Amino acid sequence: MRNKVEAKEIVDAGKKLGEQEAIKLAKQADHIYASKGTKTVHFDMKTDKPSNADLLAVMLGPTGNLRAPTIRKGRTLLIGFNQDNYKKVLT
């Protein structure tokens, strides 16, 4: 199934986005879905109140940069690829 999704802003993956930028993105979100392989972590930022360390653990890759792909739709962040999360949030 294909959906029409249009990017408003594309940031080159070569651009380094580290801890400060990741925390800033997280604080602007109501929901964060971070996926690594088949595992997904969901934070409801209004009720969960995760620590910065917990957020950074799922948002940053081994190089200390924001993991790709990262998509922001409204106040929801999708980090890493998970088809089910993409369907839920982007459709």
Protein backbone atom coordinates (compact mmCIF):
# COMPACT_ATOMS: atom_id res chain seq x y z
CA MET A 1 0.00 0.00 0.00
CA ARG A 2 1.38 3.39 -0.98
CA ASN A 3 0.44 6.67 0.62
CA LYS A 4 1.12 10.15 -0.58
CA VAL A 5 3.58 11.58 1.93
CA GLU A 6 5.36 14.80 1.15
CA ALA A 7 8.51 15.93 2.94
CA LYS A 8 8.52 19.57 4.02
CA GLU A 9 12.18 19.49 5.00
CA ILE A 10 14.92 17.03 4.21
CA VAL A 11 18.14 17.11 6.21
CA ASP A 12 21.23 15.48 4.74
CA ALA A 13 22.12 12.38 6.77
CA GLY A 14 25.73 13.57 6.67
CA LYS A 15 24.77 16.52 8.88
CA LYS A 16 25.72 15.71 12.44
CA LEU A 17 22.84 15.98 14.89
CA GLY A 18 24.00 15.05 18.36
CA GLU A 19 22.73 15.07 21.93
CA GLN A 20 21.52 18.66 22.16
CA GLU A 21 19.61 18.50 18.87
CA ALA A 22 18.10 15.10 19.77
CA ILE A 23 16.85 16.34 23.15
CA LYS A 24 15.42 19.47 21.53
CA LEU A 25 13.49 17.32 19.02
CA ALA A 26 12.28 15.02 21.81
CA LYS A 27 11.02 17.91 23.94
CA GLN A 28 8.92 19.14 20.98
CA ALA A 29 7.21 15.75 20.60
CA ASP A 30 4.15 14.25 22.25
CA HIS A 31 5.01 10.70 21.10
CA ILE A 32 8.31 9.07 20.17
CA TYR A 33 8.56 5.68 18.46
CA ALA A 34 12.16 4.47 18.29
CA SER A 35 12.86 1.21 16.46
CA LYS A 36 15.97 -0.97 16.27
CA GLY A 37 15.43 -4.15 14.29
CA THR A 38 12.11 -5.64 15.42
CA LYS A 39 12.10 -3.86 18.80
CA THR A 40 10.20 -0.59 19.22
CA VAL A 41 10.17 1.71 22.24
CA HIS A 42 7.26 4.14 22.58
CA PHE A 43 7.38 7.18 24.83
CA ASP A 44 4.24 9.19 25.53
CA MET A 45 6.05 12.38 26.46
CA LYS A 46 3.08 13.72 28.40
CA THR A 47 2.77 10.73 30.75
CA ASP A 48 6.08 8.81 30.61
CA LYS A 49 8.48 11.71 31.29
CA PRO A 50 11.63 9.75 30.26
CA SER A 51 15.02 11.01 31.38
CA ASN A 52 17.38 12.59 28.86
CA ALA A 53 19.60 9.52 29.20
CA ASP A 54 16.69 7.20 28.29
CA LEU A 55 15.82 9.36 25.29
CA LEU A 56 19.40 9.52 24.06
CA ALA A 57 19.80 5.76 24.43
CA VAL A 58 17.11 5.16 21.78
CA MET A 59 17.64 8.26 19.64
CA LEU A 60 21.39 8.19 19.05
CA GLY A 61 23.40 5.65 17.12
CA PRO A 62 26.84 4.28 18.04
CA THR A 63 28.56 7.37 16.59
CA GLY A 64 26.60 9.68 18.89
CA ASN A 65 24.51 11.11 16.05
CA LEU A 66 20.73 11.05 15.62
CA ARG A 67 19.71 7.72 14.12
CA ALA A 68 18.33 7.63 10.60
CA PRO A 69 15.77 7.64 9.31
CA THR A 70 14.11 10.12 11.63
CA ILE A 71 10.73 11.51 10.66
CA ARG A 72 8.71 14.15 12.45
CA LYS A 73 4.99 14.32 11.67
CA GLY A 74 3.34 17.00 13.73
CA ARG A 75 4.28 16.24 17.32
CA THR A 76 5.25 12.60 16.69
CA LEU A 77 8.81 11.39 16.07
CA LEU A 78 9.63 8.15 14.27
CA ILE A 79 13.22 7.06 14.76
CA GLY A 80 14.55 4.09 12.83
CA PHE A 81 12.46 2.11 10.38
CA ASN A 82 9.45 0.07 11.43
CA GLN A 83 6.76 -0.53 8.83
CA ASP A 84 3.96 -0.91 11.40
CA ASN A 85 4.85 2.40 13.07
CA TYR A 86 5.03 4.14 9.69
CA LYS A 87 1.56 2.83 8.79
CA LYS A 88 0.15 3.91 12.16
CA VAL A 89 1.58 7.41 12.09
CA LEU A 90 1.78 8.31 8.41
CA THR A 91 -1.62 7.10 7.21
